[in-house]
Amino acid sequence: MATKNKIWNKTKSVMAAGWCNVCKKEMLSDAGGWIVNAEKKHFCHDGKDGSCFDKYIKEKQLMAEDATYEKEI
């Protein structure tokens, strides 16, 4: 009597890793394409209008430039 080898089929679980801080898109553990910065903020690579991380960086730069301009006055 020959026995059949049993194969363990592990189901792939998908977990929510977080939400994009710019476009509020849900990021899943199996999707990839997202960035977490040092402040533990999540960002998309492929947001509605391009990279949400790039938008965040540009916004931070503009805020820093405004702050230095206000200090000079």
PDB file of N, CA and C in Angstrom:
ATOM      1  N   MET A   1       0.835  -1.167   0.000  1.00  0.00           N
ATOM      2  CA  MET A   1       0.000   0.000   0.000  1.00  0.00           C
ATOM      3  C   MET A   1       0.890   1.244   0.000  1.00  0.00           C
ATOM      4  N   ALA A   2       0.800   2.012  -1.045  1.00  0.00           N
ATOM      5  CA  ALA A   2       1.607   3.222  -1.178  1.00  0.00           C
ATOM      6  C   ALA A   2       0.867   4.406  -0.570  1.00  0.00           C
ATOM      7  N   THR A   3       1.602   5.189   0.191  1.00  0.00           N
ATOM      8  CA  THR A   3       0.990   6.383   0.784  1.00  0.00           C
ATOM      9  C   THR A   3       1.359   7.599  -0.051  1.00  0.00           C
ATOM     10  N   LYS A   4       0.449   8.486  -0.143  1.00  0.00           N
ATOM     11  CA  LYS A   4       0.668   9.717  -0.898  1.00  0.00           C
ATOM     12  C   LYS A   4       1.360  10.747  -0.006  1.00  0.00           C
ATOM     13  N   ASN A   5       2.334  11.438  -0.554  1.00  0.00           N
ATOM     14  CA  ASN A   5       2.979  12.510   0.206  1.00  0.00           C
ATOM     15  C   ASN A   5       1.984  13.645   0.421  1.00  0.00           C
ATOM     16  N   LYS A   6       1.865  14.056   1.644  1.00  0.00           N
ATOM     17  CA  LYS A   6       0.965  15.162   1.938  1.00  0.00           C
ATOM     18  C   LYS A   6       1.740  16.465   1.810  1.00  0.00           C
ATOM     19  N   ILE A   7       1.109  17.421   1.189  1.00  0.00           N
ATOM     20  CA  ILE A   7       1.730  18.721   0.981  1.00  0.00           C
ATOM     21  C   ILE A   7       1.006  19.739   1.849  1.00  0.00           C
ATOM     22  N   TRP A   8       1.791  20.525   2.549  1.00  0.00           N
ATOM     23  CA  TRP A   8       1.231  21.561   3.412  1.00  0.00           C
ATOM     24  C   TRP A   8       1.020  22.803   2.558  1.00  0.00           C
ATOM     25  N   ASN A   9      -0.215  23.210   2.414  1.00  0.00           N
ATOM     26  CA  ASN A   9      -0.538  24.430   1.666  1.00  0.00           C
ATOM     27  C   ASN A   9      -0.813  25.545   2.650  1.00  0.00           C
ATOM     28  N   LYS A  10       0.152  26.402   2.795  1.00  0.00           N
ATOM     29  CA  LYS A  10       0.003  27.531   3.707  1.00  0.00           C
ATOM     30  C   LYS A  10      -0.708  28.656   2.963  1.00  0.00           C
ATOM     31  N   THR A  11      -1.793  29.119   3.534  1.00  0.00           N
ATOM     32  CA  THR A  11      -2.499  30.226   2.908  1.00  0.00           C
ATOM     33  C   THR A  11      -1.720  31.513   3.149  1.00  0.00           C
ATOM     34  N   LYS A  12      -1.702  32.325   2.132  1.00  0.00           N
ATOM     35  CA  LYS A  12      -0.979  33.591   2.256  1.00  0.00           C
ATOM     36  C   LYS A  12      -1.906  34.615   2.883  1.00  0.00           C
ATOM     37  N   SER A  13      -1.512  35.113   4.036  1.00  0.00           N
ATOM     38  CA  SER A  13      -2.320  36.114   4.712  1.00  0.00           C
ATOM     39  C   SER A  13      -1.852  37.506   4.305  1.00  0.00           C
ATOM     40  N   VAL A  14      -2.795  38.369   4.109  1.00  0.00           N
ATOM     41  CA  VAL A  14      -2.494  39.752   3.737  1.00  0.00           C
ATOM     42  C   VAL A  14      -2.919  40.640   4.892  1.00  0.00           C
ATOM     43  N   MET A  15      -1.974  41.445   5.348  1.00  0.00           N
ATOM     44  CA  MET A  15      -2.242  42.325   6.480  1.00  0.00           C
ATOM     45  C   MET A  15      -2.113  43.775   6.036  1.00  0.00           C
ATOM     46  N   ALA A  16      -2.883  44.632   6.661  1.00  0.00           N
ATOM     47  CA  ALA A  16      -2.755  46.065   6.389  1.00  0.00           C
ATOM     48  C   ALA A  16      -1.523  46.590   7.115  1.00  0.00           C
ATOM     49  N   ALA A  17      -0.601  47.180   6.367  1.00  0.00           N
ATOM     50  CA  ALA A  17       0.637  47.691   6.951  1.00  0.00           C
ATOM     51  C   ALA A  17       0.488  49.130   7.409  1.00  0.00           C
ATOM     52  N   GLY A  18      -0.520  49.815   6.928  1.00  0.00           N
ATOM     53  CA  GLY A  18      -0.740  51.200   7.318  1.00  0.00           C
ATOM     54  C   GLY A  18      -1.460  51.952   6.228  1.00  0.00           C
ATOM     55  N   TRP A  19      -1.516  53.254   6.378  1.00  0.00           N
ATOM     56  CA  TRP A  19      -2.169  54.147   5.424  1.00  0.00           C
ATOM     57  C   TRP A  19      -1.169  55.203   5.002  1.00  0.00           C
ATOM     58  N   CYS A  20      -1.216  55.587   3.737  1.00  0.00           N
ATOM     59  CA  CYS A  20      -0.346  56.648   3.231  1.00  0.00           C
ATOM     60  C   CYS A  20      -0.709  57.958   3.911  1.00  0.00           C
ATOM     61  N   ASN A  21       0.279  58.682   4.394  1.00  0.00           N
ATOM     62  CA  ASN A  21       0.037  59.942   5.096  1.00  0.00           C
ATOM     63  C   ASN A  21      -0.397  61.057   4.156  1.00  0.00           C
ATOM     64  N   VAL A  22      -0.178  60.915   2.853  1.00  0.00           N
ATOM     65  CA  VAL A  22      -0.531  61.962   1.903  1.00  0.00           C
ATOM     66  C   VAL A  22      -1.880  61.682   1.246  1.00  0.00           C
ATOM     67  N   CYS A  23      -2.035  60.506   0.611  1.00  0.00           N
ATOM     68  CA  CYS A  23      -3.258  60.225  -0.150  1.00  0.00           C
ATOM     69  C   CYS A  23      -4.227  59.300   0.581  1.00  0.00           C
ATOM     70  N   LYS A  24      -3.859  58.838   1.776  1.00  0.00           N
ATOM     71  CA  LYS A  24      -4.707  57.986   2.618  1.00  0.00           C
ATOM     72  C   LYS A  24      -5.043  56.641   1.975  1.00  0.00           C
ATOM     73  N   LYS A  25      -4.173  56.149   1.088  1.00  0.00           N
ATOM     74  CA  LYS A  25      -4.351  54.854   0.446  1.00  0.00           C
ATOM     75  C   LYS A  25      -3.895  53.761   1.410  1.00  0.00           C
ATOM     76  N   GLU A  26      -4.647  52.650   1.469  1.00  0.00           N
ATOM     77  CA  GLU A  26      -4.278  51.545   2.352  1.00  0.00           C
ATOM     78  C   GLU A  26      -3.103  50.789   1.752  1.00  0.00           C
ATOM     79  N   MET A  27      -2.124  50.467   2.581  1.00  0.00           N
ATOM     80  CA  MET A  27      -0.958  49.718   2.128  1.00  0.00           C
ATOM     81  C   MET A  27      -0.999  48.323   2.724  1.00  0.00           C
ATOM     82  N   LEU A  28      -0.900  47.316   1.860  1.00  0.00           N
ATOM     83  CA  LEU A  28      -0.990  45.924   2.272  1.00  0.00           C
ATOM     84  C   LEU A  28       0.395  45.297   2.335  1.00  0.00           C
ATOM     85  N   SER A  29       0.529  44.267   3.162  1.00  0.00           N
ATOM     86  CA  SER A  29       1.830  43.637   3.387  1.00  0.00           C
ATOM     87  C   SER A  29       2.377  42.955   2.141  1.00  0.00           C
ATOM     88  N   ASP A  30       1.528  42.498   1.245  1.00  0.00           N
ATOM     89  CA  ASP A  30       2.013  41.799   0.063  1.00  0.00           C
ATOM     90  C   ASP A  30       2.130  42.698  -1.167  1.00  0.00           C
ATOM     91  N   ALA A  31       1.695  43.940  -1.059  1.00  0.00           N
ATOM     92  CA  ALA A  31       1.669  44.832  -2.217  1.00  0.00           C
ATOM     93  C   ALA A  31       3.040  45.446  -2.500  1.00  0.00           C
ATOM     94  N   GLY A  32       3.768  45.831  -1.496  1.00  0.00           N
ATOM     95  CA  GLY A  32       5.047  46.497  -1.705  1.00  0.00           C
ATOM     96  C   GLY A  32       4.840  47.890  -2.273  1.00  0.00           C
ATOM     97  N   GLY A  33       5.903  48.575  -2.611  1.00  0.00           N
ATOM     98  CA  GLY A  33       5.791  49.888  -3.214  1.00  0.00           C
ATOM     99  C   GLY A  33       5.454  50.990  -2.234  1.00  0.00           C
ATOM    100  N   TRP A  34       5.893  50.869  -0.990  1.00  0.00           N
ATOM    101  CA  TRP A  34       5.645  51.933  -0.021  1.00  0.00           C
ATOM    102  C   TRP A  34       6.893  52.181   0.800  1.00  0.00           C
ATOM    103  N   ILE A  35       6.965  53.387   1.361  1.00  0.00           N
ATOM    104  CA  ILE A  35       8.152  53.844   2.089  1.00  0.00           C
ATOM    105  C   ILE A  35       7.745  54.200   3.516  1.00  0.00           C
ATOM    106  N   VAL A  36       8.595  53.845   4.481  1.00  0.00           N
ATOM    107  CA  VAL A  36       8.413  54.272   5.866  1.00  0.00           C
ATOM    108  C   VAL A  36       9.650  55.083   6.224  1.00  0.00           C
ATOM    109  N   ASN A  37       9.451  56.333   6.638  1.00  0.00           N
ATOM    110  CA  ASN A  37      10.599  57.177   6.958  1.00  0.00           C
ATOM    111  C   ASN A  37      10.980  57.037   8.435  1.00  0.00           C
ATOM    112  N   ALA A  38      11.947  57.810   8.872  1.00  0.00           N
ATOM    113  CA  ALA A  38      12.438  57.724  10.248  1.00  0.00           C
ATOM    114  C   ALA A  38      11.383  58.151  11.267  1.00  0.00           C
ATOM    115  N   GLU A  39      10.432  58.973  10.845  1.00  0.00           N
ATOM    116  CA  GLU A  39       9.359  59.416  11.741  1.00  0.00           C
ATOM    117  C   GLU A  39       8.210  58.415  11.801  1.00  0.00           C
ATOM    118  N   LYS A  40       8.387  57.247  11.179  1.00  0.00           N
ATOM    119  CA  LYS A  40       7.380  56.174  11.110  1.00  0.00           C
ATOM    120  C   LYS A  40       6.138  56.597  10.336  1.00  0.00           C
ATOM    121  N   LYS A  41       6.320  57.469   9.343  1.00  0.00           N
ATOM    122  CA  LYS A  41       5.223  57.863   8.462  1.00  0.00           C
ATOM    123  C   LYS A  41       5.297  57.013   7.205  1.00  0.00           C
ATOM    124  N   HIS A  42       4.138  56.610   6.684  1.00  0.00           N
ATOM    125  CA  HIS A  42       4.054  55.739   5.515  1.00  0.00           C
ATOM    126  C   HIS A  42       3.739  56.565   4.271  1.00  0.00           C
ATOM    127  N   PHE A  43       4.342  56.178   3.123  1.00  0.00           N
ATOM    128  CA  PHE A  43       4.138  56.882   1.865  1.00  0.00           C
ATOM    129  C   PHE A  43       4.062  55.887   0.714  1.00  0.00           C
ATOM    130  N   CYS A  44       3.286  56.240  -0.329  1.00  0.00           N
ATOM    131  CA  CYS A  44       3.152  55.421  -1.547  1.00  0.00           C
ATOM    132  C   CYS A  44       4.242  55.783  -2.553  1.00  0.00           C
ATOM    133  N   HIS A  45       4.632  54.806  -3.367  1.00  0.00           N
ATOM    134  CA  HIS A  45       5.467  55.083  -4.533  1.00  0.00           C
ATOM    135  C   HIS A  45       4.582  55.540  -5.684  1.00  0.00           C
ATOM    136  N   ASP A  46       3.385  54.979  -5.741  1.00  0.00           N
ATOM    137  CA  ASP A  46       2.497  55.241  -6.875  1.00  0.00           C
ATOM    138  C   ASP A  46       1.165  55.810  -6.399  1.00  0.00           C
ATOM    139  N   GLY A  47       1.206  57.026  -5.936  1.00  0.00           N
ATOM    140  CA  GLY A  47      -0.021  57.692  -5.500  1.00  0.00           C
ATOM    141  C   GLY A  47      -0.835  58.170  -6.692  1.00  0.00           C
ATOM    142  N   LYS A  48      -1.853  58.937  -6.422  1.00  0.00           N
ATOM    143  CA  LYS A  48      -2.737  59.408  -7.491  1.00  0.00           C
ATOM    144  C   LYS A  48      -2.002  60.323  -8.469  1.00  0.00           C
ATOM    145  N   ASP A  49      -1.144  61.190  -7.982  1.00  0.00           N
ATOM    146  CA  ASP A  49      -0.423  62.145  -8.831  1.00  0.00           C
ATOM    147  C   ASP A  49       1.079  61.977  -8.701  1.00  0.00           C
ATOM    148  N   GLY A  50       1.574  60.764  -8.710  1.00  0.00           N
ATOM    149  CA  GLY A  50       3.002  60.526  -8.573  1.00  0.00           C
ATOM    150  C   GLY A  50       3.347  60.028  -7.181  1.00  0.00           C
ATOM    151  N   SER A  51       4.608  60.085  -6.847  1.00  0.00           N
ATOM    152  CA  SER A  51       5.088  59.576  -5.570  1.00  0.00           C
ATOM    153  C   SER A  51       4.674  60.494  -4.419  1.00  0.00           C
ATOM    154  N   CYS A  52       3.993  59.928  -3.447  1.00  0.00           N
ATOM    155  CA  CYS A  52       3.567  60.703  -2.283  1.00  0.00           C
ATOM    156  C   CYS A  52       4.770  61.109  -1.425  1.00  0.00           C
ATOM    157  N   PHE A  53       5.813  60.280  -1.412  1.00  0.00           N
ATOM    158  CA  PHE A  53       7.013  60.623  -0.654  1.00  0.00           C
ATOM    159  C   PHE A  53       7.688  61.861  -1.237  1.00  0.00           C
ATOM    160  N   ASP A  54       7.735  61.953  -2.582  1.00  0.00           N
ATOM    161  CA  ASP A  54       8.315  63.133  -3.226  1.00  0.00           C
ATOM    162  C   ASP A  54       7.525  64.387  -2.876  1.00  0.00           C
ATOM    163  N   LYS A  55       6.199  64.281  -2.840  1.00  0.00           N
ATOM    164  CA  LYS A  55       5.357  65.424  -2.459  1.00  0.00           C
ATOM    165  C   LYS A  55       5.658  65.853  -1.027  1.00  0.00           C
ATOM    166  N   TYR A  56       5.822  64.887  -0.130  1.00  0.00           N
ATOM    167  CA  TYR A  56       6.115  65.173   1.269  1.00  0.00           C
ATOM    168  C   TYR A  56       7.446  65.915   1.405  1.00  0.00           C
ATOM    169  N   ILE A  57       8.463  65.468   0.672  1.00  0.00           N
ATOM    170  CA  ILE A  57       9.789  66.097   0.720  1.00  0.00           C
ATOM    171  C   ILE A  57       9.716  67.531   0.204  1.00  0.00           C
ATOM    172  N   LYS A  58       8.998  67.744  -0.911  1.00  0.00           N
ATOM    173  CA  LYS A  58       8.875  69.098  -1.458  1.00  0.00           C
ATOM    174  C   LYS A  58       8.156  70.017  -0.478  1.00  0.00           C
ATOM    175  N   GLU A  59       7.119  69.507   0.174  1.00  0.00           N
ATOM    176  CA  GLU A  59       6.375  70.305   1.145  1.00  0.00           C
ATOM    177  C   GLU A  59       7.260  70.685   2.331  1.00  0.00           C
ATOM    178  N   LYS A  60       8.073  69.729   2.818  1.00  0.00           N
ATOM    179  CA  LYS A  60       8.989  70.001   3.925  1.00  0.00           C
ATOM    180  C   LYS A  60      10.028  71.048   3.537  1.00  0.00           C
ATOM    181  N   GLN A  61      10.538  70.970   2.299  1.00  0.00           N
ATOM    182  CA  GLN A  61      11.522  71.949   1.842  1.00  0.00           C
ATOM    183  C   GLN A  61      10.917  73.348   1.780  1.00  0.00           C
ATOM    184  N   LEU A  62       9.682  73.447   1.274  1.00  0.00           N
ATOM    185  CA  LEU A  62       9.024  74.752   1.211  1.00  0.00           C
ATOM    186  C   LEU A  62       8.786  75.313   2.603  1.00  0.00           C
ATOM    187  N   MET A  63       8.405  74.477   3.541  1.00  0.00           N
ATOM    188  CA  MET A  63       8.195  74.930   4.911  1.00  0.00           C
ATOM    189  C   MET A  63       9.498  75.419   5.523  1.00  0.00           C
ATOM    190  N   ALA A  64      10.608  74.720   5.246  1.00  0.00           N
ATOM    191  CA  ALA A  64      11.910  75.122   5.781  1.00  0.00           C
ATOM    192  C   ALA A  64      12.357  76.450   5.169  1.00  0.00           C
ATOM    193  N   GLU A  65      12.113  76.633   3.873  1.00  0.00           N
ATOM    194  CA  GLU A  65      12.478  77.889   3.224  1.00  0.00           C
ATOM    195  C   GLU A  65      11.660  79.053   3.791  1.00  0.00           C
ATOM    196  N   ASP A  66      10.369  78.817   4.019  1.00  0.00           N
ATOM    197  CA  ASP A  66       9.523  79.861   4.603  1.00  0.00           C
ATOM    198  C   ASP A  66       9.983  80.227   6.002  1.00  0.00           C
ATOM    199  N   ALA A  67      10.396  79.219   6.779  1.00  0.00           N
ATOM    200  CA  ALA A  67      10.849  79.474   8.142  1.00  0.00           C
ATOM    201  C   ALA A  67      12.136  80.303   8.148  1.00  0.00           C
ATOM    202  N   THR A  68      13.063  80.030   7.231  1.00  0.00           N
ATOM    203  CA  THR A  68      14.297  80.802   7.193  1.00  0.00           C
ATOM    204  C   THR A  68      14.029  82.211   6.706  1.00  0.00           C
ATOM    205  N   TYR A  69      13.063  82.376   5.782  1.00  0.00           N
ATOM    206  CA  TYR A  69      12.714  83.715   5.297  1.00  0.00           C
ATOM    207  C   TYR A  69      12.113  84.550   6.435  1.00  0.00           C
ATOM    208  N   GLU A  70      11.266  83.951   7.243  1.00  0.00           N
ATOM    209  CA  GLU A  70      10.643  84.669   8.361  1.00  0.00           C
ATOM    210  C   GLU A  70      11.675  85.055   9.420  1.00  0.00           C
ATOM    211  N   LYS A  71      12.709  84.259   9.599  1.00  0.00           N
ATOM    212  CA  LYS A  71      13.754  84.580  10.580  1.00  0.00           C
ATOM    213  C   LYS A  71      14.578  85.783  10.128  1.00  0.00           C
ATOM    214  N   GLU A  72      14.749  85.952   8.809  1.00  0.00           N
ATOM    215  CA  GLU A  72      15.552  87.041   8.269  1.00  0.00           C
ATOM    216  C   GLU A  72      14.844  88.393   8.442  1.00  0.00           C
ATOM    217  N   ILE A  73      13.546  88.356   8.473  1.00  0.00           N
ATOM    218  CA  ILE A  73      12.783  89.614   8.561  1.00  0.00           C
ATOM    219  C   ILE A  73      12.765  90.117   9.940  1.00  0.00           C
TER     220      ILE A  73
END
